[in-house]
Amino acid sequence: MHYYRYSNAEVSCWYKYLLFSYNIVFWLAGVAFLAAGLWAWSEKGVLSDLTKVTGLHGLDPVLLVLVVGIVMFTLGFAGCVGALRENICLLKFFCGAIVFIFLLEVAVAVLAFLFQDWVRDRVKEFFENNIKSYRDDIDLQNLIDSLQKINHCCGAQGPDDWDFNIYFNCSSESKSREKCGVPFSCCIPDPAQKVVNTQCGYDIRKKSKSQWDDQIFVKGCILALEAWLPRNIYIVAGVFIAISLLQVSCFCYTTLKKIFKFADNRPAEGKSSNGNVELIV
C-alpha cells in the first residue's frame, strides 16, 4: 500500500495558531462548564443517585450546562489538536460539527417562525411543567426567579399559572403557607427595602385582581418574552450572524481550503515533486 507524505504544512503557521488560540479558549470554557455542572450535581447528591435526574418533571439547568460543556469540550479538543498536529480527520470533524450546528440553528429559527402557534404552545407547556417542579430543584427555582425578576413577569401567561404548583395552589386541600400566593420574584420590588421580602407574595391571589397591579407583576413571562424579542431583534440577529459567519466562513472555509489546496496538484504515483512529495511503501 502506498501513500504520500507532504513536506509542506497543509495548514499555514499563521492560521494554525489562530485556530489553536480560538479553540483553546473554547476548550477551557467547556472544561469550566463541565466542572461547574459536576460540582452542582455533587452538591445536590445527583452523582450518587442519577435517578434524581429522571425524577424531576421540569428542566434541570445543570443538565443543560453539562450538555453545553460536553459539546464545547469536544469541539475545542478537536480544533486544538487538529490545528497543532495538522490532523485532517480532526479538522474535518471540527468543521463538519460547526456547519451542522449552524444549519441546525437556521432550521430551528425558520421552523419557529413558520409554526409560531405550535412553538408558543410548546413553550407554554414547558413553562407550566417547570412551575410544577419549582420547589423540587433549587437550580430550577433560581432560574425561574431570575426569569421573572428580569422580565417583570409572573407565571407562563399570568399569576394564576401558579395553581399548577402544589404549594401555591388555591385548592382547599392545600395546607401550605404559600397557598394562593406567588413566589417573591413575582412581587414588584420596593426601592426602599434593602432586604428582599420573600413572603411578599403570600395570599396575594386571595385578593381581587384589581389589587394585584400594585403588588405583583401581572404579565405572563411568555408575553414578556414575545414583547422583548421584537425590541431587540436587531441585536439578537446581529450576534447570531456575527458568530455564525465567524465560525463557518473564517474557520471552516479557510481550513478546508488549506487542507485540500494540494488536491489539484497531487503528483502521480511514483513521480517526484521537487522534493515536496515522498512515496512511502
Protein backbone atom coordinates (compact mmCIF):
# COMPACT_ATOMS: atom_id res chain seq x y z
CA MET A 1 0.00 0.00 0.00
CA HIS A 2 1.42 3.38 -0.99
CA TYR A 3 0.73 6.78 0.50
CA TYR A 4 2.29 10.23 0.18
CA ARG A 5 3.92 12.36 2.85
CA TYR A 6 3.96 16.08 2.02
CA SER A 7 6.85 18.04 3.43
CA ASN A 8 4.98 21.35 3.27
CA ALA A 9 2.49 22.11 6.04
CA GLU A 10 -1.06 21.62 4.91
CA VAL A 11 -2.22 24.43 7.20
CA SER A 12 -0.22 27.67 7.29
CA CYS A 13 1.61 28.50 10.52
CA TRP A 14 -0.31 31.74 10.99
CA TYR A 15 -3.66 30.10 10.53
CA LYS A 16 -2.70 27.08 12.61
CA TYR A 17 -2.01 29.13 15.73
CA LEU A 18 -5.01 31.39 15.13
CA LEU A 19 -7.25 28.33 15.06
CA PHE A 20 -5.46 26.90 18.10
CA SER A 21 -5.88 30.14 20.09
CA TYR A 22 -9.58 30.28 19.29
CA ASN A 23 -10.18 26.67 20.25
CA ILE A 24 -8.10 26.65 23.43
CA VAL A 25 -10.48 29.28 24.83
CA PHE A 26 -13.43 27.20 23.63
CA TRP A 27 -11.94 24.06 25.18
CA LEU A 28 -11.19 25.72 28.54
CA ALA A 29 -14.73 27.11 28.63
CA GLY A 30 -16.02 23.57 28.08
CA VAL A 31 -13.88 22.30 30.97
CA ALA A 32 -15.27 25.08 33.19
CA PHE A 33 -18.87 24.21 32.25
CA LEU A 34 -18.27 20.52 32.93
CA ALA A 35 -16.60 21.24 36.28
CA ALA A 36 -19.42 23.58 37.36
CA GLY A 37 -22.09 21.11 36.30
CA LEU A 38 -20.49 18.13 38.04
CA TRP A 39 -19.93 20.21 41.18
CA ALA A 40 -23.59 21.31 41.19
CA TRP A 41 -24.77 17.72 40.76
CA SER A 42 -22.42 16.63 43.53
CA GLU A 43 -23.86 19.26 45.89
CA LYS A 44 -27.40 18.08 45.10
CA GLY A 45 -26.46 14.42 45.51
CA VAL A 46 -27.29 13.56 41.90
CA LEU A 47 -23.95 11.84 41.27
CA SER A 48 -24.74 9.31 43.98
CA ASP A 49 -28.30 8.81 42.71
CA LEU A 50 -28.74 9.51 38.98
CA THR A 51 -32.44 8.63 39.16
CA LYS A 52 -33.00 12.14 40.54
CA VAL A 53 -32.44 13.47 37.02
CA THR A 54 -35.30 11.46 35.55
CA GLY A 55 -37.46 12.04 38.62
CA LEU A 56 -37.59 15.80 38.04
CA HIS A 57 -40.56 16.71 35.83
CA GLY A 58 -39.10 20.09 34.87
CA LEU A 59 -35.77 21.15 33.41
CA ASP A 60 -32.62 20.67 35.44
CA PRO A 61 -30.42 23.67 34.45
CA VAL A 62 -27.32 21.70 35.44
CA LEU A 63 -28.08 19.11 32.75
CA LEU A 64 -28.15 21.88 30.16
CA VAL A 65 -24.81 23.20 31.45
CA LEU A 66 -23.28 19.72 31.17
CA VAL A 67 -24.53 19.19 27.61
CA VAL A 68 -23.12 22.56 26.53
CA GLY A 69 -19.86 21.75 28.31
CA ILE A 70 -19.51 18.38 26.56
CA VAL A 71 -20.10 19.95 23.13
CA MET A 72 -17.64 22.78 23.79
CA PHE A 73 -15.03 20.40 25.24
CA THR A 74 -15.28 18.01 22.27
CA LEU A 75 -15.15 20.70 19.58
CA GLY A 76 -12.40 22.62 21.37
CA PHE A 77 -10.30 19.48 21.71
CA ALA A 78 -10.78 18.57 18.04
CA GLY A 79 -9.90 22.10 16.94
CA CYS A 80 -6.82 22.40 19.17
CA VAL A 81 -5.28 19.02 18.39
CA GLY A 82 -6.32 19.17 14.75
CA ALA A 83 -4.66 22.54 14.25
CA LEU A 84 -1.43 21.74 16.11
CA ARG A 85 -0.98 18.26 14.66
CA GLU A 86 -2.45 19.23 11.28
CA ASN A 87 -4.71 16.22 11.65
CA ILE A 88 -7.09 16.25 8.70
CA CYS A 89 -9.63 13.91 10.32
CA LEU A 90 -9.99 16.07 13.43
CA LEU A 91 -10.21 19.27 11.38
CA LYS A 92 -12.88 17.72 9.17
CA PHE A 93 -14.81 16.67 12.26
CA PHE A 94 -14.45 20.15 13.77
CA CYS A 95 -15.66 21.92 10.62
CA GLY A 96 -18.42 19.42 9.99
CA ALA A 97 -19.73 19.85 13.55
CA ILE A 98 -19.65 23.66 13.29
CA VAL A 99 -21.52 23.59 9.98
CA PHE A 100 -24.06 21.11 11.39
CA ILE A 101 -24.71 23.33 14.44
CA PHE A 102 -25.08 26.37 12.18
CA LEU A 103 -27.58 24.61 9.91
CA LEU A 104 -29.46 23.30 12.94
CA GLU A 105 -29.76 26.83 14.34
CA VAL A 106 -31.04 28.13 11.00
CA ALA A 107 -33.55 25.26 10.72
CA VAL A 108 -34.87 25.87 14.25
CA ALA A 109 -35.21 29.60 13.59
CA VAL A 110 -37.09 29.03 10.32
CA LEU A 111 -39.42 26.41 11.82
CA ALA A 112 -40.09 28.61 14.85
CA PHE A 113 -41.05 31.46 12.52
CA LEU A 114 -43.30 29.28 10.35
CA PHE A 115 -45.03 27.45 13.21
CA GLN A 116 -45.35 30.19 15.81
CA ASP A 117 -48.58 28.92 17.37
CA TRP A 118 -47.17 25.42 17.82
CA VAL A 119 -43.97 26.82 19.34
CA ARG A 120 -45.98 29.06 21.67
CA ASP A 121 -48.00 26.06 22.88
CA ARG A 122 -44.84 24.02 23.48
CA VAL A 123 -43.21 26.89 25.39
CA LYS A 124 -46.36 27.28 27.50
CA GLU A 125 -46.40 23.55 28.24
CA PHE A 126 -42.69 23.60 29.06
CA PHE A 127 -43.07 26.56 31.41
CA GLU A 128 -46.05 25.01 33.19
CA ASN A 129 -44.13 21.76 33.75
CA ASN A 130 -41.31 23.73 35.32
CA ILE A 131 -43.77 25.62 37.53
CA LYS A 132 -44.93 22.25 38.87
CA SER A 133 -41.33 21.39 39.83
CA TYR A 134 -40.49 24.86 41.22
CA ARG A 135 -39.81 23.60 44.77
CA ASP A 136 -38.26 20.29 43.68
CA ASP A 137 -34.92 21.66 42.43
CA ILE A 138 -33.05 24.68 43.78
CA ASP A 139 -31.37 25.44 40.46
CA LEU A 140 -34.67 25.39 38.59
CA GLN A 141 -36.16 27.59 41.30
CA ASN A 142 -33.37 30.16 40.93
CA LEU A 143 -33.72 30.07 37.13
CA ILE A 144 -37.47 30.79 37.26
CA ASP A 145 -36.97 33.52 39.86
CA SER A 146 -34.32 35.19 37.72
CA LEU A 147 -36.52 34.98 34.62
CA GLN A 148 -39.48 36.55 36.42
CA LYS A 149 -37.45 39.32 38.05
CA ILE A 150 -35.55 40.30 34.89
CA ASN A 151 -38.64 40.30 32.65
CA HIS A 152 -41.06 41.68 35.27
CA CYS A 153 -43.45 38.79 34.72
CA CYS A 154 -45.26 36.09 36.68
CA GLY A 155 -46.18 32.61 35.52
CA ALA A 156 -46.41 31.44 31.93
CA GLN A 157 -49.46 33.51 30.99
CA GLY A 158 -50.20 35.14 34.33
CA PRO A 159 -50.08 34.73 38.14
CA ASP A 160 -52.89 32.14 38.12
CA ASP A 161 -50.50 29.66 36.47
CA TRP A 162 -49.02 29.10 39.92
CA ASP A 163 -52.05 26.94 40.64
CA PHE A 164 -50.09 24.22 38.82
CA ASN A 165 -47.73 24.07 41.81
CA ILE A 166 -48.99 22.15 44.84
CA TYR A 167 -47.52 24.68 47.27
CA PHE A 168 -49.16 27.73 45.65
CA ASN A 169 -52.41 26.03 44.62
CA CYS A 170 -55.60 27.67 45.93
CA SER A 171 -57.45 24.39 46.44
CA SER A 172 -58.96 23.68 49.83
CA GLU A 173 -56.83 20.54 50.22
CA SER A 174 -53.59 22.51 50.27
CA LYS A 175 -52.07 23.03 53.74
CA SER A 176 -49.12 25.08 52.53
CA ARG A 177 -48.50 28.54 53.97
CA GLU A 178 -47.85 29.66 50.39
CA LYS A 179 -51.38 28.63 49.39
CA CYS A 180 -52.96 31.02 46.88
CA GLY A 181 -49.76 33.05 46.67
CA VAL A 182 -46.90 33.57 44.21
CA PRO A 183 -43.10 33.41 44.57
CA PHE A 184 -41.34 36.52 45.80
CA SER A 185 -39.87 37.03 42.31
CA CYS A 186 -43.36 37.98 41.11
CA CYS A 187 -43.50 40.92 43.55
CA ILE A 188 -42.90 44.47 42.40
CA PRO A 189 -39.68 45.48 44.24
CA ASP A 190 -39.82 48.30 46.75
CA PRO A 191 -36.80 50.63 46.26
CA ALA A 192 -36.91 51.50 49.96
CA GLN A 193 -36.38 47.88 51.01
CA LYS A 194 -32.77 46.76 51.30
CA VAL A 195 -33.69 43.22 52.34
CA VAL A 196 -35.73 41.06 49.98
CA ASN A 197 -39.12 40.16 51.42
CA THR A 198 -39.55 36.50 50.45
CA GLN A 199 -43.10 36.47 51.86
CA CYS A 200 -44.41 39.35 49.78
CA GLY A 201 -46.45 37.02 47.56
CA TYR A 202 -48.29 35.21 50.34
CA ASP A 203 -52.11 35.18 49.93
CA ILE A 204 -51.94 37.72 47.12
CA ARG A 205 -54.28 35.74 44.86
CA LYS A 206 -56.95 35.69 47.56
CA LYS A 207 -57.40 39.40 46.88
CA SER A 208 -59.33 40.79 43.92
CA LYS A 209 -57.36 41.05 40.68
CA SER A 210 -57.73 44.82 40.71
CA GLN A 211 -55.39 44.90 43.71
CA TRP A 212 -52.68 42.81 42.07
CA ASP A 213 -51.26 45.58 39.87
CA ASP A 214 -49.74 47.45 42.82
CA GLN A 215 -48.09 44.42 44.38
CA ILE A 216 -47.11 41.84 41.76
CA PHE A 217 -46.34 41.57 38.05
CA VAL A 218 -49.47 40.51 36.20
CA LYS A 219 -47.97 39.94 32.75
CA GLY A 220 -47.11 36.35 31.84
CA CYS A 221 -43.50 35.51 31.01
CA ILE A 222 -44.40 34.21 27.54
CA LEU A 223 -45.95 37.59 26.68
CA ALA A 224 -42.95 39.36 28.22
CA LEU A 225 -40.51 37.34 26.10
CA GLU A 226 -42.61 37.91 22.98
CA ALA A 227 -42.50 41.64 23.67
CA TRP A 228 -38.75 41.57 24.37
CA LEU A 229 -37.77 39.85 21.13
CA PRO A 230 -39.08 42.48 18.64
CA ARG A 231 -37.42 45.26 20.65
CA ASN A 232 -34.06 43.50 20.49
CA ILE A 233 -34.40 41.64 17.19
CA TYR A 234 -31.53 43.51 15.54
CA ILE A 235 -29.19 42.79 18.45
CA VAL A 236 -30.14 39.10 18.51
CA ALA A 237 -29.86 38.77 14.74
CA GLY A 238 -26.56 40.68 14.67
CA VAL A 239 -24.96 38.50 17.34
CA PHE A 240 -26.23 35.31 15.66
CA ILE A 241 -24.99 36.34 12.22
CA ALA A 242 -21.62 37.55 13.52
CA ILE A 243 -20.91 34.35 15.43
CA SER A 244 -22.14 32.14 12.61
CA LEU A 245 -20.11 33.91 9.95
CA LEU A 246 -17.03 33.92 12.17
CA GLN A 247 -17.27 30.20 12.80
CA VAL A 248 -18.37 28.98 9.40
CA SER A 249 -16.70 31.40 6.99
CA CYS A 250 -13.43 32.20 8.75
CA PHE A 251 -12.58 28.86 10.25
CA CYS A 252 -14.30 26.16 8.27
CA TYR A 253 -13.92 27.56 4.77
CA THR A 254 -10.31 28.60 5.27
CA THR A 255 -9.38 25.34 6.95
CA LEU A 256 -10.91 23.20 4.24
CA LYS A 257 -9.33 25.37 1.58
CA LYS A 258 -5.88 24.96 3.08
CA ILE A 259 -6.36 21.26 3.74
CA PHE A 260 -7.34 20.50 0.17
CA LYS A 261 -5.28 23.15 -1.62
CA PHE A 262 -2.84 20.47 -2.76
CA ALA A 263 -5.52 18.19 -4.23
CA ASP A 264 -5.31 19.61 -7.74
CA ASN A 265 -1.51 19.39 -7.74
CA ARG A 266 -1.18 15.87 -6.33
CA PRO A 267 1.56 14.10 -8.32
CA ALA A 268 1.07 10.75 -9.96
CA GLU A 269 2.25 7.71 -8.05
CA GLY A 270 5.96 7.04 -8.49
CA LYS A 271 6.86 10.57 -9.65
CA SER A 272 8.88 13.10 -7.73
CA SER A 273 7.72 16.63 -6.94
CA ASN A 274 10.89 18.66 -6.38
CA GLY A 275 11.42 17.07 -3.02
CA ASN A 276 7.97 18.01 -1.77
CA VAL A 277 6.44 14.54 -2.01
CA GLU A 278 7.86 11.30 -0.76
CA LEU A 279 6.44 7.98 -1.87
CA ILE A 280 6.42 5.53 1.01
CA VAL A 281 5.90 1.80 0.58
